N, C-alpha and C. Protein backbone atom coordinates (compact mmCIF):
# COMPACT_ATOMS: atom_id res chain seq x y z
N MET A 1 84.53 30.95 -26.84
CA MET A 1 85.27 30.21 -25.84
C MET A 1 85.72 28.88 -26.43
N ASN A 2 86.97 28.55 -26.19
CA ASN A 2 87.53 27.30 -26.69
C ASN A 2 86.87 26.11 -25.99
N PRO A 3 86.53 25.03 -26.71
CA PRO A 3 85.88 23.86 -26.11
C PRO A 3 86.73 23.16 -25.04
N ILE A 4 88.02 23.43 -24.99
CA ILE A 4 88.87 22.83 -23.95
C ILE A 4 88.36 23.22 -22.56
N PHE A 5 87.79 24.41 -22.43
CA PHE A 5 87.31 24.88 -21.13
C PHE A 5 86.05 24.17 -20.66
N ASN A 6 85.47 23.30 -21.50
CA ASN A 6 84.28 22.55 -21.11
C ASN A 6 84.57 21.42 -20.13
N GLN A 7 85.82 20.96 -20.05
CA GLN A 7 86.11 19.86 -19.12
C GLN A 7 86.11 20.39 -17.68
N ASN A 8 85.91 19.48 -16.73
CA ASN A 8 85.71 19.87 -15.33
C ASN A 8 86.95 19.78 -14.46
N VAL A 9 87.94 19.00 -14.85
CA VAL A 9 89.12 18.83 -14.01
C VAL A 9 90.37 19.11 -14.84
N PHE A 10 91.26 19.93 -14.28
CA PHE A 10 92.53 20.26 -14.92
C PHE A 10 93.65 20.06 -13.91
N LEU A 11 94.77 19.54 -14.39
CA LEU A 11 95.99 19.42 -13.58
C LEU A 11 96.96 20.47 -14.09
N VAL A 12 97.35 21.39 -13.20
CA VAL A 12 98.23 22.49 -13.56
C VAL A 12 99.60 22.21 -12.94
N LYS A 13 100.61 22.04 -13.79
CA LYS A 13 101.96 21.75 -13.32
C LYS A 13 102.89 22.91 -13.65
N GLU A 14 103.52 23.44 -12.62
CA GLU A 14 104.51 24.49 -12.85
C GLU A 14 105.80 23.83 -13.34
N GLN A 15 106.41 24.41 -14.36
CA GLN A 15 107.65 23.85 -14.88
C GLN A 15 108.77 24.08 -13.88
N ILE A 16 109.62 23.09 -13.75
CA ILE A 16 110.73 23.13 -12.79
C ILE A 16 111.85 23.98 -13.33
N GLY A 17 112.44 24.76 -12.44
CA GLY A 17 113.59 25.56 -12.81
C GLY A 17 114.28 26.08 -11.57
N MET A 18 115.58 26.02 -11.55
CA MET A 18 116.33 26.48 -10.38
C MET A 18 116.42 28.01 -10.33
N PHE A 19 116.86 28.63 -11.40
CA PHE A 19 117.01 30.08 -11.44
C PHE A 19 116.19 30.62 -12.60
N LYS A 20 114.89 30.69 -12.40
CA LYS A 20 114.03 31.15 -13.48
C LYS A 20 113.26 32.39 -13.05
N ALA A 21 113.16 33.34 -13.95
CA ALA A 21 112.43 34.57 -13.66
C ALA A 21 110.96 34.44 -14.05
N SER A 22 110.69 33.72 -15.12
CA SER A 22 109.31 33.60 -15.59
C SER A 22 108.62 32.40 -14.95
N ASN A 23 107.32 32.49 -14.90
CA ASN A 23 106.51 31.39 -14.39
C ASN A 23 105.86 30.69 -15.56
N ASN A 24 106.14 29.42 -15.72
CA ASN A 24 105.61 28.65 -16.83
C ASN A 24 104.88 27.43 -16.30
N PHE A 25 103.67 27.21 -16.84
CA PHE A 25 102.83 26.10 -16.41
C PHE A 25 102.39 25.30 -17.60
N ASP A 26 102.16 24.02 -17.39
CA ASP A 26 101.52 23.16 -18.37
C ASP A 26 100.24 22.66 -17.75
N ILE A 27 99.16 22.63 -18.52
CA ILE A 27 97.86 22.21 -18.02
C ILE A 27 97.45 20.94 -18.76
N PHE A 28 97.14 19.91 -17.96
CA PHE A 28 96.84 18.59 -18.49
C PHE A 28 95.40 18.18 -18.19
N ASN A 29 94.90 17.29 -19.03
CA ASN A 29 93.66 16.58 -18.72
C ASN A 29 94.09 15.40 -17.84
N PRO A 30 93.73 15.35 -16.55
CA PRO A 30 94.23 14.30 -15.67
C PRO A 30 93.73 12.89 -16.01
N GLU A 31 92.65 12.80 -16.79
CA GLU A 31 92.12 11.48 -17.15
C GLU A 31 93.04 10.73 -18.09
N ASN A 32 93.65 11.45 -19.05
CA ASN A 32 94.53 10.77 -20.01
C ASN A 32 95.93 11.37 -20.06
N ASN A 33 96.22 12.31 -19.16
CA ASN A 33 97.53 12.97 -19.05
C ASN A 33 97.93 13.69 -20.34
N GLU A 34 96.94 14.15 -21.09
CA GLU A 34 97.19 14.87 -22.34
C GLU A 34 97.40 16.36 -22.05
N LEU A 35 98.43 16.94 -22.64
CA LEU A 35 98.68 18.36 -22.53
C LEU A 35 97.60 19.10 -23.31
N VAL A 36 96.83 19.98 -22.63
CA VAL A 36 95.75 20.68 -23.31
C VAL A 36 96.03 22.17 -23.44
N LEU A 37 96.78 22.75 -22.48
CA LEU A 37 97.08 24.17 -22.51
C LEU A 37 98.48 24.43 -21.97
N THR A 38 99.09 25.52 -22.41
CA THR A 38 100.37 25.96 -21.85
C THR A 38 100.22 27.40 -21.38
N CYS A 39 100.93 27.74 -20.32
CA CYS A 39 100.91 29.10 -19.78
C CYS A 39 102.34 29.60 -19.74
N ARG A 40 102.59 30.72 -20.40
CA ARG A 40 103.94 31.26 -20.48
C ARG A 40 103.94 32.77 -20.27
N GLU A 41 105.09 33.28 -19.85
CA GLU A 41 105.34 34.72 -19.77
C GLU A 41 106.40 35.05 -20.80
N PRO A 42 106.02 35.27 -22.05
CA PRO A 42 107.02 35.42 -23.11
C PRO A 42 107.67 36.80 -23.19
N ASN A 43 107.09 37.81 -22.55
CA ASN A 43 107.56 39.18 -22.76
C ASN A 43 108.06 39.84 -21.48
N LEU A 44 108.93 39.16 -20.75
CA LEU A 44 109.48 39.74 -19.52
C LEU A 44 110.56 40.77 -19.84
N GLY A 45 110.44 41.93 -19.23
CA GLY A 45 111.46 42.95 -19.41
C GLY A 45 112.65 42.69 -18.50
N PHE A 46 113.74 43.40 -18.77
CA PHE A 46 114.98 43.21 -18.02
C PHE A 46 114.78 43.47 -16.52
N PHE A 47 114.15 44.60 -16.16
CA PHE A 47 113.99 44.95 -14.75
C PHE A 47 113.03 44.00 -14.04
N THR A 48 112.00 43.54 -14.74
CA THR A 48 111.09 42.56 -14.15
C THR A 48 111.85 41.29 -13.82
N LYS A 49 112.67 40.82 -14.77
CA LYS A 49 113.49 39.63 -14.52
C LYS A 49 114.39 39.84 -13.32
N LEU A 50 115.00 40.99 -13.24
CA LEU A 50 115.91 41.30 -12.15
C LEU A 50 115.19 41.27 -10.80
N PHE A 51 114.03 41.92 -10.72
CA PHE A 51 113.29 41.97 -9.45
C PHE A 51 112.66 40.63 -9.08
N ARG A 52 112.50 39.72 -10.03
CA ARG A 52 111.95 38.39 -9.72
C ARG A 52 112.88 37.58 -8.83
N PHE A 53 114.15 37.97 -8.75
CA PHE A 53 115.11 37.26 -7.90
C PHE A 53 115.31 37.96 -6.56
N THR A 54 114.41 38.87 -6.21
CA THR A 54 114.52 39.62 -4.95
C THR A 54 113.27 39.39 -4.12
N ASP A 55 113.21 40.05 -2.97
CA ASP A 55 112.03 39.98 -2.11
C ASP A 55 110.84 40.72 -2.71
N TYR A 56 111.04 41.46 -3.79
CA TYR A 56 109.98 42.22 -4.43
C TYR A 56 109.26 41.44 -5.52
N LYS A 57 109.50 40.15 -5.59
CA LYS A 57 108.92 39.31 -6.65
C LYS A 57 107.40 39.44 -6.73
N ARG A 58 106.73 39.46 -5.58
CA ARG A 58 105.27 39.54 -5.58
C ARG A 58 104.74 40.85 -6.13
N MET A 59 105.58 41.86 -6.19
CA MET A 59 105.16 43.19 -6.65
C MET A 59 105.37 43.40 -8.13
N THR A 60 106.07 42.49 -8.79
CA THR A 60 106.42 42.68 -10.20
C THR A 60 105.20 42.47 -11.10
N PRO A 61 105.19 43.12 -12.25
CA PRO A 61 104.09 42.92 -13.20
C PRO A 61 104.19 41.55 -13.87
N PHE A 62 103.08 41.09 -14.41
CA PHE A 62 103.13 39.87 -15.22
C PHE A 62 102.15 39.96 -16.38
N ASP A 63 102.45 39.20 -17.41
CA ASP A 63 101.65 39.10 -18.62
C ASP A 63 101.72 37.65 -19.06
N ILE A 64 100.73 36.87 -18.65
CA ILE A 64 100.72 35.43 -18.88
C ILE A 64 99.79 35.11 -20.05
N GLU A 65 100.28 34.28 -20.96
CA GLU A 65 99.47 33.83 -22.10
C GLU A 65 99.14 32.35 -21.92
N ILE A 66 97.85 32.03 -21.99
CA ILE A 66 97.40 30.64 -21.95
C ILE A 66 97.03 30.26 -23.37
N ARG A 67 97.73 29.25 -23.90
CA ARG A 67 97.54 28.83 -25.28
C ARG A 67 97.18 27.34 -25.34
N THR A 68 96.51 26.95 -26.41
CA THR A 68 96.25 25.54 -26.64
C THR A 68 97.57 24.86 -26.99
N ALA A 69 97.58 23.55 -26.99
CA ALA A 69 98.78 22.80 -27.35
C ALA A 69 99.23 23.12 -28.77
N SER A 70 98.30 23.54 -29.63
CA SER A 70 98.65 23.90 -31.01
C SER A 70 99.11 25.35 -31.13
N GLY A 71 99.04 26.14 -30.05
CA GLY A 71 99.57 27.50 -30.06
C GLY A 71 98.54 28.61 -30.13
N GLU A 72 97.24 28.28 -30.17
CA GLU A 72 96.20 29.31 -30.24
C GLU A 72 96.04 30.01 -28.89
N LEU A 73 96.10 31.33 -28.88
CA LEU A 73 95.93 32.11 -27.66
C LEU A 73 94.48 32.06 -27.23
N THR A 74 94.23 31.64 -25.97
CA THR A 74 92.86 31.53 -25.46
C THR A 74 92.58 32.54 -24.35
N VAL A 75 93.57 32.80 -23.49
CA VAL A 75 93.41 33.71 -22.36
C VAL A 75 94.72 34.43 -22.12
N GLN A 76 94.63 35.71 -21.75
CA GLN A 76 95.81 36.48 -21.38
C GLN A 76 95.52 37.15 -20.04
N ILE A 77 96.48 37.07 -19.11
CA ILE A 77 96.32 37.60 -17.76
C ILE A 77 97.39 38.67 -17.55
N LYS A 78 96.95 39.90 -17.17
CA LYS A 78 97.91 41.00 -17.04
C LYS A 78 97.74 41.72 -15.71
N ARG A 79 98.87 42.07 -15.13
CA ARG A 79 98.89 42.91 -13.93
C ARG A 79 100.09 43.83 -14.03
N GLY A 80 99.90 45.06 -13.60
CA GLY A 80 101.01 46.01 -13.55
C GLY A 80 101.75 45.87 -12.23
N VAL A 81 102.65 46.79 -11.96
CA VAL A 81 103.38 46.82 -10.69
C VAL A 81 102.36 47.05 -9.58
N THR A 82 102.55 46.37 -8.46
CA THR A 82 101.64 46.50 -7.33
C THR A 82 102.41 46.65 -6.03
N ILE A 83 101.78 47.26 -5.06
CA ILE A 83 102.44 47.40 -3.75
C ILE A 83 101.69 46.61 -2.70
N PHE A 84 100.41 46.92 -2.50
CA PHE A 84 99.66 46.26 -1.42
C PHE A 84 98.67 45.23 -1.90
N ARG A 85 97.96 45.52 -2.97
CA ARG A 85 96.97 44.58 -3.47
C ARG A 85 96.95 44.61 -4.99
N SER A 86 96.40 43.58 -5.58
CA SER A 86 96.42 43.42 -7.03
C SER A 86 95.03 43.52 -7.64
N ASP A 87 94.93 44.20 -8.76
CA ASP A 87 93.80 44.09 -9.67
C ASP A 87 94.37 43.50 -10.94
N ILE A 88 93.86 42.35 -11.33
CA ILE A 88 94.42 41.60 -12.45
C ILE A 88 93.38 41.49 -13.55
N ASP A 89 93.73 41.94 -14.75
CA ASP A 89 92.83 41.92 -15.89
C ASP A 89 93.00 40.61 -16.67
N VAL A 90 91.87 40.08 -17.14
CA VAL A 90 91.87 38.84 -17.92
C VAL A 90 91.21 39.13 -19.26
N PHE A 91 91.87 38.69 -20.34
CA PHE A 91 91.41 38.93 -21.70
C PHE A 91 91.25 37.60 -22.43
N ASP A 92 90.37 37.58 -23.44
CA ASP A 92 90.25 36.39 -24.26
C ASP A 92 91.35 36.39 -25.33
N GLY A 93 91.34 35.41 -26.19
CA GLY A 93 92.38 35.28 -27.20
C GLY A 93 92.39 36.38 -28.25
N LYS A 94 91.32 37.16 -28.32
CA LYS A 94 91.23 38.26 -29.29
C LYS A 94 91.51 39.62 -28.63
N GLY A 95 91.93 39.61 -27.37
CA GLY A 95 92.27 40.85 -26.68
C GLY A 95 91.11 41.57 -26.02
N ARG A 96 89.92 40.94 -25.98
CA ARG A 96 88.76 41.55 -25.32
C ARG A 96 88.78 41.20 -23.84
N LYS A 97 88.54 42.19 -23.01
CA LYS A 97 88.53 41.97 -21.56
C LYS A 97 87.33 41.11 -21.20
N ILE A 98 87.60 40.01 -20.46
CA ILE A 98 86.51 39.12 -20.04
C ILE A 98 86.30 39.15 -18.53
N GLY A 99 87.26 39.73 -17.79
CA GLY A 99 87.08 39.79 -16.35
C GLY A 99 88.24 40.44 -15.64
N VAL A 100 88.07 40.58 -14.33
CA VAL A 100 89.11 41.15 -13.48
C VAL A 100 89.05 40.46 -12.12
N PHE A 101 90.23 40.23 -11.55
CA PHE A 101 90.34 39.70 -10.19
C PHE A 101 90.76 40.86 -9.30
N LYS A 102 89.99 41.09 -8.24
CA LYS A 102 90.30 42.16 -7.30
C LYS A 102 90.71 41.54 -5.98
N GLN A 103 91.98 41.69 -5.65
CA GLN A 103 92.50 41.11 -4.42
C GLN A 103 91.99 41.92 -3.23
N LYS A 104 91.56 41.20 -2.20
CA LYS A 104 91.14 41.85 -0.96
C LYS A 104 92.37 42.12 -0.12
N PHE A 105 92.41 43.31 0.48
CA PHE A 105 93.60 43.76 1.19
C PHE A 105 93.90 42.92 2.42
N PHE A 106 92.95 42.74 3.30
CA PHE A 106 93.17 41.93 4.49
C PHE A 106 92.32 40.68 4.39
N SER A 107 92.96 39.55 4.16
CA SER A 107 92.25 38.28 4.13
C SER A 107 93.22 37.19 4.52
N PHE A 108 92.76 36.31 5.38
CA PHE A 108 93.58 35.17 5.77
C PHE A 108 93.48 34.11 4.69
N GLY A 109 94.62 33.69 4.15
CA GLY A 109 94.63 32.65 3.13
C GLY A 109 94.55 33.17 1.72
N GLY A 110 94.21 34.44 1.54
CA GLY A 110 94.11 35.03 0.21
C GLY A 110 92.69 35.05 -0.30
N ARG A 111 92.32 36.14 -0.95
CA ARG A 111 90.96 36.26 -1.46
C ARG A 111 90.94 37.18 -2.68
N PHE A 112 90.22 36.74 -3.71
CA PHE A 112 89.95 37.53 -4.90
C PHE A 112 88.44 37.64 -5.08
N GLU A 113 87.99 38.82 -5.46
CA GLU A 113 86.63 38.98 -5.96
C GLU A 113 86.75 38.88 -7.48
N VAL A 114 85.97 37.99 -8.10
CA VAL A 114 86.02 37.78 -9.54
C VAL A 114 84.87 38.56 -10.17
N HIS A 115 85.21 39.46 -11.10
CA HIS A 115 84.23 40.31 -11.77
C HIS A 115 84.29 40.07 -13.27
N ASP A 116 83.18 40.33 -13.95
CA ASP A 116 83.19 40.22 -15.41
C ASP A 116 83.72 41.51 -16.03
N HIS A 117 83.69 41.61 -17.35
CA HIS A 117 84.25 42.77 -18.05
C HIS A 117 83.48 44.07 -17.78
N GLN A 118 82.26 43.97 -17.25
CA GLN A 118 81.48 45.15 -16.90
C GLN A 118 81.53 45.43 -15.40
N ASP A 119 82.45 44.79 -14.71
CA ASP A 119 82.68 44.94 -13.28
C ASP A 119 81.53 44.40 -12.42
N LYS A 120 80.78 43.46 -12.97
CA LYS A 120 79.72 42.79 -12.21
C LYS A 120 80.35 41.62 -11.44
N HIS A 121 80.04 41.53 -10.16
CA HIS A 121 80.59 40.46 -9.32
C HIS A 121 80.07 39.10 -9.77
N LEU A 122 80.99 38.16 -10.03
CA LEU A 122 80.62 36.81 -10.46
C LEU A 122 80.73 35.80 -9.32
N CYS A 123 81.85 35.84 -8.60
CA CYS A 123 82.07 34.90 -7.51
C CYS A 123 83.27 35.37 -6.68
N THR A 124 83.55 34.63 -5.64
CA THR A 124 84.68 34.93 -4.76
C THR A 124 85.60 33.72 -4.71
N LEU A 125 86.88 33.98 -4.79
CA LEU A 125 87.90 32.94 -4.61
C LEU A 125 88.50 33.16 -3.23
N GLN A 126 88.33 32.19 -2.34
CA GLN A 126 88.80 32.33 -0.97
C GLN A 126 89.71 31.16 -0.61
N GLY A 127 90.88 31.46 -0.06
CA GLY A 127 91.81 30.44 0.39
C GLY A 127 91.71 30.21 1.88
N LYS A 128 92.17 29.05 2.32
CA LYS A 128 92.25 28.75 3.75
C LYS A 128 93.58 29.24 4.28
N TRP A 129 93.59 29.80 5.46
CA TRP A 129 94.84 30.29 6.03
C TRP A 129 95.74 29.14 6.46
N THR A 130 95.21 27.92 6.56
CA THR A 130 95.99 26.78 7.02
C THR A 130 96.66 26.01 5.89
N GLY A 131 96.37 26.34 4.64
CA GLY A 131 96.96 25.51 3.60
C GLY A 131 96.79 26.05 2.21
N TRP A 132 96.70 25.15 1.26
CA TRP A 132 96.72 25.45 -0.16
C TRP A 132 95.38 25.24 -0.83
N ASP A 133 94.31 25.15 -0.07
CA ASP A 133 93.00 24.90 -0.65
C ASP A 133 92.27 26.21 -0.89
N PHE A 134 91.71 26.36 -2.09
CA PHE A 134 90.94 27.54 -2.46
C PHE A 134 89.59 27.09 -3.00
N LYS A 135 88.58 27.92 -2.75
CA LYS A 135 87.23 27.61 -3.23
C LYS A 135 86.65 28.83 -3.93
N PHE A 136 85.95 28.57 -5.04
CA PHE A 136 85.17 29.58 -5.72
C PHE A 136 83.74 29.46 -5.22
N ASN A 137 83.20 30.53 -4.65
CA ASN A 137 81.85 30.52 -4.11
C ASN A 137 81.04 31.67 -4.68
N LYS A 138 79.75 31.40 -4.86
CA LYS A 138 78.81 32.44 -5.24
C LYS A 138 77.56 32.23 -4.41
N GLU A 139 77.27 33.19 -3.56
CA GLU A 139 76.09 33.12 -2.70
C GLU A 139 76.04 31.81 -1.94
N ASN A 140 77.14 31.47 -1.27
CA ASN A 140 77.28 30.26 -0.44
C ASN A 140 77.15 28.96 -1.23
N LYS A 141 77.33 29.01 -2.53
CA LYS A 141 77.31 27.80 -3.36
C LYS A 141 78.70 27.61 -3.95
N GLU A 142 79.29 26.44 -3.76
CA GLU A 142 80.63 26.17 -4.25
C GLU A 142 80.60 25.87 -5.75
N LEU A 143 81.37 26.66 -6.51
CA LEU A 143 81.44 26.48 -7.96
C LEU A 143 82.61 25.61 -8.39
N ALA A 144 83.74 25.76 -7.69
CA ALA A 144 84.96 25.02 -8.05
C ALA A 144 85.93 25.05 -6.88
N THR A 145 86.90 24.14 -6.92
CA THR A 145 87.95 24.12 -5.90
C THR A 145 89.31 24.05 -6.58
N VAL A 146 90.30 24.58 -5.89
CA VAL A 146 91.69 24.49 -6.33
C VAL A 146 92.48 23.94 -5.15
N SER A 147 93.25 22.89 -5.38
CA SER A 147 94.06 22.34 -4.31
C SER A 147 95.46 22.04 -4.82
N LYS A 148 96.41 22.10 -3.91
CA LYS A 148 97.79 21.81 -4.27
C LYS A 148 97.98 20.30 -4.30
N LYS A 149 98.69 19.85 -5.29
CA LYS A 149 99.00 18.42 -5.41
C LYS A 149 100.46 18.23 -5.05
N TRP A 150 100.74 17.28 -4.17
CA TRP A 150 102.10 16.99 -3.72
C TRP A 150 102.96 16.59 -4.91
N ALA A 151 104.11 17.26 -5.06
CA ALA A 151 104.98 17.03 -6.22
C ALA A 151 106.10 16.04 -5.94
N GLY A 152 106.27 15.67 -4.70
CA GLY A 152 107.38 14.77 -4.35
C GLY A 152 108.43 15.50 -3.55
N LEU A 153 109.15 14.76 -2.76
CA LEU A 153 110.12 15.33 -1.82
C LEU A 153 111.18 16.19 -2.51
N GLY A 154 111.77 15.70 -3.58
CA GLY A 154 112.82 16.43 -4.27
C GLY A 154 112.33 17.74 -4.85
N LYS A 155 111.18 17.71 -5.49
CA LYS A 155 110.64 18.92 -6.09
C LYS A 155 110.22 19.93 -5.03
N GLU A 156 109.61 19.46 -3.95
CA GLU A 156 109.11 20.36 -2.93
C GLU A 156 110.25 21.10 -2.21
N PHE A 157 111.34 20.40 -1.92
CA PHE A 157 112.42 21.01 -1.16
C PHE A 157 113.41 21.81 -2.01
N PHE A 158 113.64 21.39 -3.25
CA PHE A 158 114.72 21.98 -4.02
C PHE A 158 114.28 22.88 -5.18
N THR A 159 112.98 23.00 -5.40
CA THR A 159 112.49 23.90 -6.43
C THR A 159 111.28 24.66 -5.91
N SER A 160 110.85 25.63 -6.67
CA SER A 160 109.64 26.36 -6.30
C SER A 160 108.44 25.90 -7.12
N ALA A 161 108.56 24.78 -7.82
CA ALA A 161 107.49 24.30 -8.69
C ALA A 161 106.32 23.77 -7.87
N ASP A 162 105.11 24.21 -8.23
CA ASP A 162 103.90 23.76 -7.57
C ASP A 162 102.97 23.13 -8.59
N ASN A 163 102.18 22.17 -8.12
CA ASN A 163 101.17 21.54 -8.95
C ASN A 163 99.81 21.78 -8.31
N TYR A 164 98.81 22.08 -9.14
CA TYR A 164 97.46 22.35 -8.64
C TYR A 164 96.46 21.52 -9.42
N VAL A 165 95.36 21.20 -8.76
CA VAL A 165 94.23 20.55 -9.42
C VAL A 165 93.03 21.48 -9.26
N ILE A 166 92.43 21.84 -10.38
CA ILE A 166 91.19 22.62 -10.33
C ILE A 166 90.05 21.70 -10.73
N ASN A 167 89.03 21.68 -9.87
CA ASN A 167 87.86 20.83 -10.08
C ASN A 167 86.63 21.73 -10.14
N ILE A 168 86.04 21.84 -11.32
CA ILE A 168 84.86 22.67 -11.53
C ILE A 168 83.64 21.80 -11.28
N THR A 169 82.87 22.16 -10.25
CA THR A 169 81.78 21.28 -9.82
C THR A 169 80.39 21.78 -10.20
N ASP A 170 80.18 23.09 -10.25
CA ASP A 170 78.83 23.60 -10.46
C ASP A 170 78.82 24.82 -11.37
N VAL A 171 79.36 24.66 -12.58
CA VAL A 171 79.37 25.71 -13.58
C VAL A 171 79.00 25.07 -14.92
N ALA A 172 78.06 25.66 -15.62
CA ALA A 172 77.63 25.11 -16.91
C ALA A 172 78.82 25.00 -17.87
N ALA A 173 78.80 23.98 -18.73
CA ALA A 173 79.92 23.70 -19.63
C ALA A 173 80.20 24.86 -20.58
N ASP A 174 79.19 25.61 -20.95
CA ASP A 174 79.38 26.71 -21.90
C ASP A 174 79.46 28.08 -21.21
N SER A 175 79.61 28.10 -19.89
CA SER A 175 79.64 29.35 -19.15
C SER A 175 80.92 30.14 -19.42
N SER A 176 80.77 31.45 -19.56
CA SER A 176 81.92 32.32 -19.81
C SER A 176 82.81 32.49 -18.58
N ILE A 177 82.39 31.99 -17.44
CA ILE A 177 83.19 32.09 -16.22
C ILE A 177 84.32 31.04 -16.20
N ARG A 178 84.21 29.98 -16.97
CA ARG A 178 85.20 28.89 -16.95
C ARG A 178 86.63 29.36 -17.25
N PRO A 179 86.88 30.16 -18.28
CA PRO A 179 88.26 30.62 -18.49
C PRO A 179 88.78 31.45 -17.31
N LEU A 180 87.90 32.18 -16.64
CA LEU A 180 88.31 32.97 -15.48
C LEU A 180 88.73 32.06 -14.33
N LEU A 181 88.04 30.95 -14.15
CA LEU A 181 88.40 30.02 -13.08
C LEU A 181 89.80 29.46 -13.30
N LEU A 182 90.09 29.09 -14.54
CA LEU A 182 91.41 28.55 -14.84
C LEU A 182 92.49 29.63 -14.73
N ALA A 183 92.18 30.84 -15.17
CA ALA A 183 93.13 31.94 -15.07
C ALA A 183 93.45 32.26 -13.60
N ALA A 184 92.48 32.06 -12.73
CA ALA A 184 92.68 32.35 -11.31
C ALA A 184 93.76 31.48 -10.69
N VAL A 185 93.94 30.26 -11.20
CA VAL A 185 94.98 29.37 -10.67
C VAL A 185 96.35 30.01 -10.85
N MET A 186 96.60 30.64 -12.00
CA MET A 186 97.87 31.30 -12.22
C MET A 186 98.05 32.47 -11.24
N CYS A 187 96.94 33.15 -10.97
CA CYS A 187 97.00 34.30 -10.06
C CYS A 187 97.24 33.85 -8.61
N ILE A 188 96.68 32.72 -8.24
CA ILE A 188 96.95 32.18 -6.90
C ILE A 188 98.45 31.99 -6.72
N ASP A 189 99.07 31.37 -7.70
CA ASP A 189 100.50 31.10 -7.59
C ASP A 189 101.33 32.38 -7.62
N MET A 190 101.00 33.28 -8.52
CA MET A 190 101.80 34.50 -8.70
C MET A 190 101.61 35.50 -7.56
N VAL A 191 100.41 35.61 -7.02
CA VAL A 191 100.11 36.65 -6.03
C VAL A 191 100.24 36.13 -4.60
N PHE A 192 99.71 34.94 -4.32
CA PHE A 192 99.66 34.46 -2.94
C PHE A 192 100.79 33.51 -2.55
N LYS A 193 101.27 32.70 -3.49
CA LYS A 193 102.13 31.59 -3.11
C LYS A 193 103.59 31.75 -3.46
N GLU A 194 103.97 32.78 -4.20
CA GLU A 194 105.39 32.95 -4.55
C GLU A 194 106.15 33.47 -3.35
């Protein structure tokens, strides 16, 4: 696991674009505003791009790469075409599966069950139906929170760019769950909020 995942707070900024098919994010250390990770969809096919501009956007597949500022691949998030619910696979930088997010079919606000590579339940990501706040919980203990950060009037009304803050509160610095928590932020945006 890359030592970047040891920090507790990340600011995730979606890149602004008027007519963009791919979802691109930059992840910063909010203490010094240093770019620590980038998230890109480099391999979009023609039909995926086409459907991203329709009402079927939420159903399209995605393949997101999270890289360090120097370009090292740390996490890859993949989902195929979906109709009702998503199972999203998460891999480390060497292509080994480290976890899966299983979307719950009926949930107010959005919900993922987070599992490890052996399908063992790690925690639950649950959103509020009233807003943009999400919490990672395990056995009624809060592990981390994700909240939307106001981007400003112009960005909110004229673009689809969203900013999120993830705050990891109760997970060991060397825990293998940390990359999954950060990967979940991309899934929140792609699955629930687009």
